[in-house]
Amino acid sequence: MLIRTMTALTIFSLILSQEAAGAHGTVVITKRSGVVKTYEHARIQLLSDSSLQIAAADGHGTLTLDHAACTFVGELQRCLPYEVMIDHDGVKHPMDLERGTLYLNTSDAALPLPHSSGQVAPHSIMLALRTERGTLISVTGRIDGEPK
């Protein structure tokens, strides 16, 4: 299971390396060894009230958060994901998730992060995940698509 997660993260890392016009997400993957890779132009989409997708620039890889415990801190939505899937060309792999937090702002104004001087920009997310192997994945960016 751990090897599958590492392979899936490697695949996700490789496919994020190509650019896509109009996408506004940045993905940073920090391996336990200290190797850091940054990928621009990821597409962030809300598919429904309970599903968030972060797609690679070339469209071949997707990170999907379908299951999370969510609450609101004012207008800012905070979610603790407990199931994350990596899809590479239709082949899905579950991520061995240790923990994670998603902040989602669908409003038209920047919203403050709780207990922080930071803010989440309008129509944007901040996501931090940690795998059981110690890999850290952070995603920030503007939501490219929202359900109507």
N, C-alpha and C. Protein backbone atom coordinates (compact mmCIF):
# COMPACT_ATOMS: atom_id res chain seq x y z
N MET A 1 0.81 -1.18 0.00
CA MET A 1 0.00 0.00 0.00
C MET A 1 0.86 1.25 0.00
N LEU A 2 1.94 1.27 0.77
CA LEU A 2 2.81 2.45 0.82
C LEU A 2 3.51 2.66 -0.50
N ILE A 3 3.93 1.58 -1.15
CA ILE A 3 4.59 1.70 -2.45
C ILE A 3 3.62 2.26 -3.47
N ARG A 4 2.36 1.81 -3.41
CA ARG A 4 1.36 2.30 -4.34
C ARG A 4 1.16 3.80 -4.16
N THR A 5 1.13 4.27 -2.92
CA THR A 5 0.97 5.70 -2.66
C THR A 5 2.15 6.48 -3.21
N MET A 6 3.36 5.99 -2.96
CA MET A 6 4.54 6.68 -3.45
C MET A 6 4.51 6.74 -4.98
N THR A 7 4.15 5.65 -5.64
CA THR A 7 4.07 5.61 -7.09
C THR A 7 3.01 6.58 -7.59
N ALA A 8 1.86 6.58 -6.94
CA ALA A 8 0.79 7.48 -7.34
C ALA A 8 1.22 8.94 -7.19
N LEU A 9 1.90 9.27 -6.11
CA LEU A 9 2.38 10.65 -5.92
C LEU A 9 3.42 11.01 -6.97
N THR A 10 4.27 10.07 -7.32
CA THR A 10 5.27 10.32 -8.35
C THR A 10 4.60 10.58 -9.69
N ILE A 11 3.59 9.78 -10.03
CA ILE A 11 2.85 9.98 -11.28
C ILE A 11 2.19 11.34 -11.27
N PHE A 12 1.53 11.68 -10.14
CA PHE A 12 0.85 12.97 -10.03
C PHE A 12 1.87 14.10 -10.20
N SER A 13 3.05 13.95 -9.61
CA SER A 13 4.09 14.97 -9.72
C SER A 13 4.52 15.17 -11.17
N LEU A 14 4.71 14.08 -11.88
CA LEU A 14 5.19 14.16 -13.25
C LEU A 14 4.18 14.82 -14.17
N ILE A 15 2.90 14.49 -13.99
CA ILE A 15 1.92 15.03 -14.91
C ILE A 15 1.55 16.48 -14.59
N LEU A 16 1.87 16.95 -13.40
CA LEU A 16 1.61 18.34 -13.08
C LEU A 16 2.61 19.28 -13.73
N SER A 17 3.65 18.75 -14.31
CA SER A 17 4.73 19.59 -14.78
C SER A 17 4.44 20.35 -16.08
N GLN A 18 3.33 20.02 -16.76
CA GLN A 18 3.01 20.74 -17.99
C GLN A 18 2.00 21.84 -17.69
N GLU A 19 2.02 22.93 -18.45
CA GLU A 19 1.17 24.08 -18.19
C GLU A 19 -0.19 23.94 -18.86
N ALA A 20 -1.22 24.56 -18.24
CA ALA A 20 -2.55 24.66 -18.83
C ALA A 20 -3.00 26.11 -18.74
N ALA A 21 -3.49 26.64 -19.85
CA ALA A 21 -3.94 28.03 -19.86
C ALA A 21 -5.16 28.18 -18.97
N GLY A 22 -5.20 29.28 -18.21
CA GLY A 22 -6.36 29.58 -17.40
C GLY A 22 -6.41 28.91 -16.04
N ALA A 23 -5.55 27.99 -15.76
CA ALA A 23 -5.56 27.31 -14.47
C ALA A 23 -4.76 28.14 -13.47
N HIS A 24 -5.26 28.19 -12.22
CA HIS A 24 -4.67 29.10 -11.24
C HIS A 24 -4.21 28.41 -9.97
N GLY A 25 -3.90 27.15 -10.00
CA GLY A 25 -3.50 26.46 -8.78
C GLY A 25 -2.01 26.17 -8.75
N THR A 26 -1.47 26.14 -7.54
CA THR A 26 -0.08 25.77 -7.34
C THR A 26 -0.05 24.58 -6.39
N VAL A 27 0.66 23.54 -6.78
CA VAL A 27 0.81 22.34 -5.96
C VAL A 27 2.27 22.24 -5.55
N VAL A 28 2.51 22.06 -4.26
CA VAL A 28 3.87 21.87 -3.76
C VAL A 28 3.90 20.52 -3.06
N ILE A 29 4.83 19.66 -3.51
CA ILE A 29 4.99 18.33 -2.93
C ILE A 29 6.36 18.28 -2.27
N THR A 30 6.35 18.01 -0.97
CA THR A 30 7.58 17.92 -0.20
C THR A 30 7.71 16.50 0.33
N LYS A 31 8.70 15.79 -0.19
CA LYS A 31 8.93 14.42 0.28
C LYS A 31 9.66 14.43 1.61
N ARG A 32 9.54 13.35 2.33
CA ARG A 32 10.18 13.23 3.64
C ARG A 32 11.69 13.43 3.55
N SER A 33 12.27 13.11 2.40
CA SER A 33 13.71 13.28 2.19
C SER A 33 14.12 14.74 2.09
N GLY A 34 13.11 15.63 1.96
CA GLY A 34 13.41 17.05 1.83
C GLY A 34 13.31 17.57 0.41
N VAL A 35 13.13 16.69 -0.57
CA VAL A 35 12.99 17.11 -1.96
C VAL A 35 11.65 17.83 -2.12
N VAL A 36 11.71 19.04 -2.69
CA VAL A 36 10.52 19.85 -2.88
C VAL A 36 10.31 20.08 -4.37
N LYS A 37 9.07 19.85 -4.84
CA LYS A 37 8.73 20.12 -6.23
C LYS A 37 7.49 20.99 -6.25
N THR A 38 7.54 22.02 -7.08
CA THR A 38 6.43 22.96 -7.21
C THR A 38 5.88 22.88 -8.62
N TYR A 39 4.55 22.83 -8.72
CA TYR A 39 3.88 22.73 -10.01
C TYR A 39 2.81 23.81 -10.11
N GLU A 40 2.89 24.59 -11.16
CA GLU A 40 1.94 25.67 -11.40
C GLU A 40 0.85 25.19 -12.35
N HIS A 41 -0.21 25.97 -12.46
CA HIS A 41 -1.26 25.80 -13.46
C HIS A 41 -2.15 24.57 -13.26
N ALA A 42 -2.30 24.12 -12.03
CA ALA A 42 -3.25 23.04 -11.76
C ALA A 42 -4.65 23.62 -11.80
N ARG A 43 -5.60 22.82 -12.25
CA ARG A 43 -7.00 23.25 -12.34
C ARG A 43 -7.74 22.78 -11.09
N ILE A 44 -8.40 23.70 -10.41
CA ILE A 44 -9.14 23.40 -9.17
C ILE A 44 -10.63 23.54 -9.48
N GLN A 45 -11.38 22.47 -9.24
CA GLN A 45 -12.82 22.50 -9.52
C GLN A 45 -13.62 21.95 -8.37
N LEU A 46 -14.73 22.61 -8.07
CA LEU A 46 -15.74 22.06 -7.17
C LEU A 46 -16.75 21.35 -8.05
N LEU A 47 -16.83 20.04 -7.91
CA LEU A 47 -17.76 19.28 -8.73
C LEU A 47 -19.16 19.28 -8.13
N SER A 48 -19.20 19.36 -6.80
CA SER A 48 -20.47 19.40 -6.07
C SER A 48 -20.16 19.99 -4.70
N ASP A 49 -21.16 19.99 -3.83
CA ASP A 49 -20.93 20.49 -2.47
C ASP A 49 -19.97 19.61 -1.70
N SER A 50 -19.75 18.38 -2.17
CA SER A 50 -18.92 17.44 -1.41
C SER A 50 -17.75 16.87 -2.19
N SER A 51 -17.41 17.47 -3.32
CA SER A 51 -16.33 16.91 -4.13
C SER A 51 -15.47 18.03 -4.72
N LEU A 52 -14.15 17.92 -4.48
CA LEU A 52 -13.17 18.87 -4.99
C LEU A 52 -12.16 18.11 -5.83
N GLN A 53 -11.84 18.64 -7.01
CA GLN A 53 -10.84 18.02 -7.88
C GLN A 53 -9.73 19.01 -8.17
N ILE A 54 -8.50 18.49 -8.16
CA ILE A 54 -7.32 19.25 -8.56
C ILE A 54 -6.70 18.48 -9.70
N ALA A 55 -6.75 19.05 -10.89
CA ALA A 55 -6.33 18.32 -12.09
C ALA A 55 -4.98 18.83 -12.59
N ALA A 56 -4.19 17.90 -13.06
CA ALA A 56 -2.90 18.23 -13.66
C ALA A 56 -3.11 19.05 -14.91
N ALA A 57 -2.11 19.80 -15.27
CA ALA A 57 -2.19 20.70 -16.42
C ALA A 57 -2.55 19.98 -17.71
N ASP A 58 -2.06 18.76 -17.90
CA ASP A 58 -2.33 18.04 -19.13
C ASP A 58 -3.61 17.21 -19.08
N GLY A 59 -4.30 17.22 -17.93
CA GLY A 59 -5.57 16.51 -17.81
C GLY A 59 -5.46 15.02 -17.57
N HIS A 60 -4.25 14.48 -17.45
CA HIS A 60 -4.10 13.04 -17.28
C HIS A 60 -4.10 12.58 -15.83
N GLY A 61 -3.97 13.50 -14.90
CA GLY A 61 -3.92 13.12 -13.49
C GLY A 61 -4.80 14.03 -12.65
N THR A 62 -5.49 13.43 -11.69
CA THR A 62 -6.41 14.20 -10.86
C THR A 62 -6.34 13.73 -9.42
N LEU A 63 -6.33 14.68 -8.51
CA LEU A 63 -6.43 14.42 -7.08
C LEU A 63 -7.87 14.79 -6.71
N THR A 64 -8.61 13.85 -6.11
CA THR A 64 -10.01 14.08 -5.79
C THR A 64 -10.26 13.88 -4.31
N LEU A 65 -10.88 14.87 -3.70
CA LEU A 65 -11.32 14.78 -2.31
C LEU A 65 -12.83 14.64 -2.33
N ASP A 66 -13.32 13.45 -2.01
CA ASP A 66 -14.76 13.18 -2.03
C ASP A 66 -15.36 13.07 -0.64
N HIS A 67 -14.55 12.70 0.33
CA HIS A 67 -15.08 12.46 1.67
C HIS A 67 -14.31 13.29 2.69
N ALA A 68 -15.04 14.16 3.38
CA ALA A 68 -14.41 15.01 4.38
C ALA A 68 -15.46 15.45 5.39
N ALA A 69 -15.01 15.70 6.60
CA ALA A 69 -15.87 16.28 7.63
C ALA A 69 -15.71 17.79 7.54
N CYS A 70 -16.80 18.50 7.27
CA CYS A 70 -16.71 19.94 7.02
C CYS A 70 -17.57 20.74 8.00
N THR A 71 -17.12 21.96 8.25
CA THR A 71 -17.85 22.91 9.08
C THR A 71 -17.51 24.30 8.57
N PHE A 72 -18.24 25.29 9.06
CA PHE A 72 -17.97 26.66 8.67
C PHE A 72 -17.38 27.44 9.83
N VAL A 73 -16.38 28.25 9.52
CA VAL A 73 -15.81 29.21 10.46
C VAL A 73 -16.17 30.56 9.87
N GLY A 74 -17.30 31.10 10.28
CA GLY A 74 -17.85 32.27 9.61
C GLY A 74 -18.31 31.83 8.23
N GLU A 75 -17.84 32.53 7.19
CA GLU A 75 -18.17 32.14 5.82
C GLU A 75 -17.15 31.16 5.22
N LEU A 76 -16.04 30.97 5.91
CA LEU A 76 -14.97 30.09 5.42
C LEU A 76 -15.29 28.64 5.78
N GLN A 77 -15.25 27.78 4.77
CA GLN A 77 -15.50 26.36 5.01
C GLN A 77 -14.19 25.65 5.33
N ARG A 78 -14.18 24.87 6.42
CA ARG A 78 -13.00 24.10 6.81
C ARG A 78 -13.38 22.62 6.76
N CYS A 79 -12.56 21.83 6.06
CA CYS A 79 -12.84 20.40 5.91
C CYS A 79 -11.61 19.59 6.31
N LEU A 80 -11.89 18.44 6.91
CA LEU A 80 -10.85 17.48 7.27
C LEU A 80 -11.07 16.25 6.39
N PRO A 81 -10.33 16.15 5.27
CA PRO A 81 -10.54 15.03 4.35
C PRO A 81 -10.10 13.71 4.98
N TYR A 82 -10.86 12.67 4.70
CA TYR A 82 -10.46 11.35 5.17
C TYR A 82 -10.39 10.33 4.04
N GLU A 83 -10.68 10.75 2.83
CA GLU A 83 -10.46 9.88 1.67
C GLU A 83 -10.05 10.75 0.49
N VAL A 84 -8.88 10.45 -0.05
CA VAL A 84 -8.35 11.18 -1.20
C VAL A 84 -7.93 10.14 -2.24
N MET A 85 -8.33 10.38 -3.48
CA MET A 85 -7.99 9.46 -4.57
C MET A 85 -7.10 10.18 -5.58
N ILE A 86 -6.16 9.42 -6.15
CA ILE A 86 -5.35 9.90 -7.27
C ILE A 86 -5.79 9.09 -8.48
N ASP A 87 -6.13 9.79 -9.55
CA ASP A 87 -6.59 9.15 -10.79
C ASP A 87 -5.59 9.51 -11.88
N HIS A 88 -4.98 8.50 -12.47
CA HIS A 88 -4.06 8.72 -13.59
C HIS A 88 -4.59 7.96 -14.78
N ASP A 89 -5.08 8.70 -15.77
CA ASP A 89 -5.65 8.12 -16.99
C ASP A 89 -6.70 7.05 -16.68
N GLY A 90 -7.56 7.33 -15.71
CA GLY A 90 -8.66 6.42 -15.39
C GLY A 90 -8.34 5.34 -14.39
N VAL A 91 -7.08 5.24 -13.96
CA VAL A 91 -6.70 4.24 -12.95
C VAL A 91 -6.62 4.97 -11.61
N LYS A 92 -7.51 4.58 -10.67
CA LYS A 92 -7.59 5.27 -9.39
C LYS A 92 -6.82 4.52 -8.31
N HIS A 93 -6.12 5.32 -7.47
CA HIS A 93 -5.37 4.79 -6.33
C HIS A 93 -5.74 5.60 -5.10
N PRO A 94 -6.09 4.94 -4.00
CA PRO A 94 -6.32 5.71 -2.78
C PRO A 94 -5.01 6.19 -2.19
N MET A 95 -5.01 7.39 -1.65
CA MET A 95 -3.83 7.92 -1.00
C MET A 95 -3.87 7.49 0.47
N ASP A 96 -2.73 7.05 0.98
CA ASP A 96 -2.64 6.70 2.40
C ASP A 96 -2.50 7.99 3.19
N LEU A 97 -3.64 8.59 3.47
CA LEU A 97 -3.69 9.90 4.10
C LEU A 97 -3.56 9.78 5.61
N GLU A 98 -2.61 10.53 6.18
CA GLU A 98 -2.49 10.59 7.64
C GLU A 98 -3.42 11.67 8.18
N ARG A 99 -3.36 12.86 7.56
CA ARG A 99 -4.24 13.95 7.96
C ARG A 99 -4.20 15.04 6.89
N GLY A 100 -5.15 15.95 7.02
CA GLY A 100 -5.20 17.06 6.07
C GLY A 100 -6.25 18.07 6.48
N THR A 101 -6.11 19.27 5.94
CA THR A 101 -7.07 20.34 6.17
C THR A 101 -7.27 21.12 4.87
N LEU A 102 -8.52 21.40 4.58
CA LEU A 102 -8.88 22.20 3.42
C LEU A 102 -9.65 23.41 3.90
N TYR A 103 -9.26 24.59 3.41
CA TYR A 103 -10.03 25.80 3.62
C TYR A 103 -10.56 26.23 2.27
N LEU A 104 -11.86 26.48 2.21
CA LEU A 104 -12.55 26.78 0.96
C LEU A 104 -13.33 28.08 1.10
N ASN A 105 -13.03 29.03 0.22
CA ASN A 105 -13.71 30.32 0.23
C ASN A 105 -14.44 30.49 -1.10
N THR A 106 -15.76 30.38 -1.07
CA THR A 106 -16.55 30.58 -2.29
C THR A 106 -17.17 31.97 -2.35
N SER A 107 -16.80 32.83 -1.42
CA SER A 107 -17.37 34.19 -1.39
C SER A 107 -16.60 35.12 -2.33
N ASP A 108 -17.09 36.34 -2.43
CA ASP A 108 -16.45 37.35 -3.28
C ASP A 108 -15.41 38.20 -2.54
N ALA A 109 -15.16 37.87 -1.26
CA ALA A 109 -14.20 38.65 -0.46
C ALA A 109 -13.17 37.72 0.17
N ALA A 110 -11.99 38.24 0.42
CA ALA A 110 -10.97 37.47 1.15
C ALA A 110 -11.48 37.22 2.56
N LEU A 111 -11.23 36.03 3.08
CA LEU A 111 -11.69 35.66 4.42
C LEU A 111 -10.50 35.28 5.29
N PRO A 112 -10.53 35.68 6.56
CA PRO A 112 -9.40 35.38 7.45
C PRO A 112 -9.36 33.91 7.84
N LEU A 113 -8.15 33.38 7.93
CA LEU A 113 -7.96 32.03 8.47
C LEU A 113 -8.12 32.10 9.98
N PRO A 114 -8.74 31.09 10.57
CA PRO A 114 -8.88 31.12 12.03
C PRO A 114 -7.52 31.07 12.72
N HIS A 115 -7.36 31.85 13.77
CA HIS A 115 -6.14 31.88 14.60
C HIS A 115 -4.89 32.19 13.78
N SER A 116 -5.04 33.06 12.79
CA SER A 116 -3.92 33.38 11.89
C SER A 116 -4.11 34.80 11.37
N SER A 117 -3.03 35.39 10.91
CA SER A 117 -3.13 36.69 10.24
C SER A 117 -3.32 36.49 8.74
N GLY A 118 -3.29 35.23 8.28
CA GLY A 118 -3.45 34.93 6.86
C GLY A 118 -4.90 34.97 6.41
N GLN A 119 -5.09 35.00 5.10
CA GLN A 119 -6.41 35.04 4.49
C GLN A 119 -6.49 34.05 3.34
N VAL A 120 -7.72 33.63 3.03
CA VAL A 120 -7.97 32.84 1.83
C VAL A 120 -8.64 33.78 0.83
N ALA A 121 -8.06 33.91 -0.34
CA ALA A 121 -8.55 34.82 -1.36
C ALA A 121 -9.96 34.42 -1.80
N PRO A 122 -10.71 35.35 -2.42
CA PRO A 122 -12.05 35.02 -2.91
C PRO A 122 -12.01 33.86 -3.91
N HIS A 123 -13.00 32.99 -3.83
CA HIS A 123 -13.14 31.85 -4.75
C HIS A 123 -11.85 31.04 -4.84
N SER A 124 -11.26 30.75 -3.68
CA SER A 124 -9.97 30.06 -3.63
C SER A 124 -9.95 28.99 -2.55
N ILE A 125 -8.90 28.17 -2.59
CA ILE A 125 -8.69 27.14 -1.58
C ILE A 125 -7.28 27.21 -1.02
N MET A 126 -7.12 26.62 0.15
CA MET A 126 -5.82 26.30 0.73
C MET A 126 -5.96 24.87 1.24
N LEU A 127 -5.10 23.99 0.81
CA LEU A 127 -5.17 22.58 1.17
C LEU A 127 -3.80 22.11 1.63
N ALA A 128 -3.76 21.37 2.72
CA ALA A 128 -2.52 20.75 3.19
C ALA A 128 -2.84 19.30 3.53
N LEU A 129 -2.07 18.38 2.96
CA LEU A 129 -2.23 16.95 3.21
C LEU A 129 -0.89 16.36 3.65
N ARG A 130 -0.95 15.35 4.50
CA ARG A 130 0.24 14.60 4.90
C ARG A 130 -0.08 13.13 4.73
N THR A 131 0.79 12.43 3.98
CA THR A 131 0.59 11.00 3.79
C THR A 131 1.24 10.22 4.93
N GLU A 132 0.91 8.96 5.02
CA GLU A 132 1.51 8.12 6.05
C GLU A 132 3.02 7.98 5.88
N ARG A 133 3.52 8.18 4.67
CA ARG A 133 4.96 8.12 4.41
C ARG A 133 5.67 9.43 4.74
N GLY A 134 4.89 10.46 5.12
CA GLY A 134 5.50 11.73 5.49
C GLY A 134 5.59 12.74 4.36
N THR A 135 5.02 12.45 3.21
CA THR A 135 5.00 13.40 2.11
C THR A 135 3.95 14.47 2.40
N LEU A 136 4.34 15.72 2.20
CA LEU A 136 3.42 16.84 2.39
C LEU A 136 2.98 17.36 1.03
N ILE A 137 1.70 17.60 0.89
CA ILE A 137 1.14 18.13 -0.35
C ILE A 137 0.36 19.37 0.01
N SER A 138 0.71 20.49 -0.59
CA SER A 138 -0.07 21.71 -0.36
C SER A 138 -0.56 22.24 -1.70
N VAL A 139 -1.77 22.74 -1.67
CA VAL A 139 -2.37 23.30 -2.88
C VAL A 139 -3.00 24.64 -2.50
N THR A 140 -2.69 25.65 -3.27
CA THR A 140 -3.34 26.94 -3.12
C THR A 140 -3.75 27.40 -4.50
N GLY A 141 -4.84 28.14 -4.56
CA GLY A 141 -5.22 28.69 -5.85
C GLY A 141 -6.68 29.02 -5.95
N ARG A 142 -6.98 29.66 -7.05
CA ARG A 142 -8.34 30.09 -7.35
C ARG A 142 -9.11 28.91 -7.95
N ILE A 143 -10.37 28.82 -7.56
CA ILE A 143 -11.24 27.76 -8.08
C ILE A 143 -11.58 28.10 -9.53
N ASP A 144 -11.30 27.17 -10.45
CA ASP A 144 -11.54 27.39 -11.87
C ASP A 144 -12.98 27.07 -12.24
N GLY A 145 -13.61 26.20 -11.50
CA GLY A 145 -14.98 25.81 -11.82
C GLY A 145 -15.76 25.52 -10.56
N GLU A 146 -17.00 26.04 -10.49
CA GLU A 146 -17.87 25.79 -9.34
C GLU A 146 -19.20 25.30 -9.86
N PRO A 147 -19.87 24.41 -9.11
CA PRO A 147 -21.18 23.94 -9.55
C PRO A 147 -22.17 25.09 -9.53
N LYS A 148 -23.12 25.05 -10.43
CA LYS A 148 -24.15 26.11 -10.51
C LYS A 148 -25.26 25.83 -9.52
